[in-house]
Protein backbone atom coordinates (compact mmCIF):
# COMPACT_ATOMS: atom_id res chain seq x y z
CA VAL A 1 41.14 -24.43 -42.04
CA LYS A 2 41.02 -23.46 -38.49
CA ARG A 3 38.24 -26.28 -37.90
CA ALA A 4 40.65 -28.57 -39.66
CA LYS A 5 43.58 -27.49 -37.48
CA VAL A 6 41.61 -28.00 -34.49
CA ALA A 7 40.01 -31.71 -35.59
CA VAL A 8 43.65 -32.56 -36.17
CA MET A 9 44.75 -31.55 -32.76
CA ASP A 10 41.74 -33.08 -31.08
CA PHE A 11 42.75 -36.37 -32.83
CA LEU A 12 46.32 -36.03 -31.96
CA ASN A 13 45.34 -35.40 -28.24
CA PHE A 14 43.21 -38.51 -28.22
CA MET A 15 45.80 -40.64 -29.77
CA LEU A 16 48.76 -39.31 -27.53
CA PRO A 17 46.72 -38.02 -24.59
CA GLN A 18 50.17 -37.85 -22.37
CA GLN A 19 52.47 -36.62 -25.07
CA LEU A 20 50.85 -33.73 -26.70
CA GLN A 21 48.43 -31.38 -24.96
CA THR A 22 46.99 -28.17 -25.51
CA VAL A 23 46.16 -25.27 -23.34
CA LYS A 24 43.57 -22.77 -24.66
CA ILE A 25 44.30 -19.10 -23.92
CA HIS A 26 42.43 -15.78 -24.69
CA ARG A 27 43.32 -13.69 -27.61
CA SER A 28 44.18 -10.85 -25.05
CA LEU A 29 47.15 -12.97 -23.82
CA PHE A 30 48.95 -13.86 -27.29
CA LYS A 31 51.72 -11.15 -26.69
CA SER A 32 52.53 -11.91 -23.18
CA MET A 33 52.13 -15.65 -23.33
CA GLY A 34 53.85 -16.09 -26.75
CA ASP A 35 57.20 -14.30 -25.32
CA PRO A 36 59.94 -16.72 -25.71
CA GLY A 37 61.52 -15.10 -22.99
CA ARG A 38 58.69 -16.54 -20.64
CA LEU A 39 58.13 -19.86 -22.34
CA ALA A 40 61.72 -21.01 -22.70
CA PRO A 41 62.30 -21.42 -18.99
CA ILE A 42 59.20 -23.78 -18.64
CA ALA A 43 60.75 -25.78 -21.84
CA THR A 44 64.17 -25.90 -20.13
CA GLU A 45 62.87 -26.84 -16.75
CA THR A 46 60.40 -29.63 -18.08
CA GLY A 47 62.32 -30.62 -21.20
CA ALA A 48 58.82 -30.22 -23.03
CA SER A 49 58.64 -28.63 -26.34
CA ILE A 50 56.38 -25.49 -26.05
CA SER A 51 54.96 -23.23 -28.67
CA LEU A 52 52.09 -20.69 -29.31
CA HIS A 53 49.78 -21.50 -32.02
CA ARG A 54 47.66 -18.53 -32.73
CA ASP A 55 45.41 -20.11 -35.18
CA ILE A 56 43.73 -22.29 -32.87
CA SER A 57 44.54 -19.83 -29.72
CA SER A 58 46.45 -22.47 -27.94
CA ILE A 59 49.76 -23.42 -26.58
CA LEU A 60 51.16 -26.66 -27.47
CA ILE A 61 52.95 -28.81 -25.29
CA ARG A 62 54.85 -31.94 -26.35
CA SER A 63 56.98 -34.16 -24.73
CA ASP A 64 57.90 -37.76 -24.83
CA ASN A 65 57.96 -38.10 -20.99
CA PRO A 66 53.90 -37.88 -19.93
CA ASN A 67 55.29 -36.50 -16.23
CA ASP A 68 57.25 -33.66 -18.14
CA CYS A 69 54.41 -32.84 -20.18
CA ASP A 70 51.91 -32.83 -17.03
CA LYS A 71 54.59 -30.50 -15.41
CA ALA A 72 54.66 -28.02 -18.32
CA VAL A 73 50.85 -27.69 -18.47
CA GLY A 74 50.68 -26.81 -14.81
CA LEU A 75 53.59 -24.18 -15.20
CA VAL A 76 52.01 -23.01 -18.51
CA ASN A 77 48.62 -22.63 -16.50
CA ASP A 78 50.36 -20.68 -13.61
CA LEU A 79 52.02 -18.29 -16.27
CA MET A 80 48.60 -17.74 -17.83
CA LEU A 81 47.04 -16.71 -14.43
CA GLU A 82 50.09 -14.36 -13.70
CA CYS A 83 49.41 -12.83 -17.41
CA GLN A 84 45.76 -12.42 -16.65
CA LYS A 85 46.41 -10.40 -13.51
CA LEU A 86 48.77 -8.15 -15.79
CA VAL A 87 46.55 -7.75 -18.84
CA SER A 88 44.42 -4.78 -17.40
CA VAL A 89 47.19 -2.84 -15.64
CA MET A 90 47.48 0.77 -16.99
CA GLN A 91 50.71 2.72 -16.55
CA PHE A 92 50.65 6.70 -16.44
CA ASP A 93 53.33 8.72 -16.68
CA GLN A 94 53.76 11.61 -13.95
CA SER A 95 52.89 14.13 -16.46
CA ASP A 96 49.77 12.31 -17.13
CA ALA A 97 48.71 12.23 -13.54
CA TRP A 98 46.14 15.01 -13.89
CA LEU A 99 43.97 12.64 -16.10
CA LEU A 100 43.35 10.35 -13.26
CA SER A 101 41.41 13.13 -11.39
CA VAL A 102 39.48 14.28 -14.49
CA ILE A 103 38.45 10.41 -15.10
CA VAL A 104 37.50 9.56 -11.59
CA GLY A 105 35.72 13.05 -11.26
CA LYS A 106 37.44 14.59 -8.21
């Protein structure tokens, strides 16, 4: 089923190159990139429809205006770079600070 969805999306991208675009994302970014609070401002600013499609690991961007779609792709790519920076951040409470010296070995 996944291959069929990818094939349909590739066909639609071919038929509507500037109106429907997909941005591939890594599975580790699903939670942060799929947050409606992060995607809604991009959709509002550009007028494009933006949604996360978990089956094909992509964000789907659709707009009747090609300029809006291109602008939304740029903003989604910027958001993805921001989310990639935050994926590997770990936060420790003050009570767990002693673990850092044990892990590092000092």
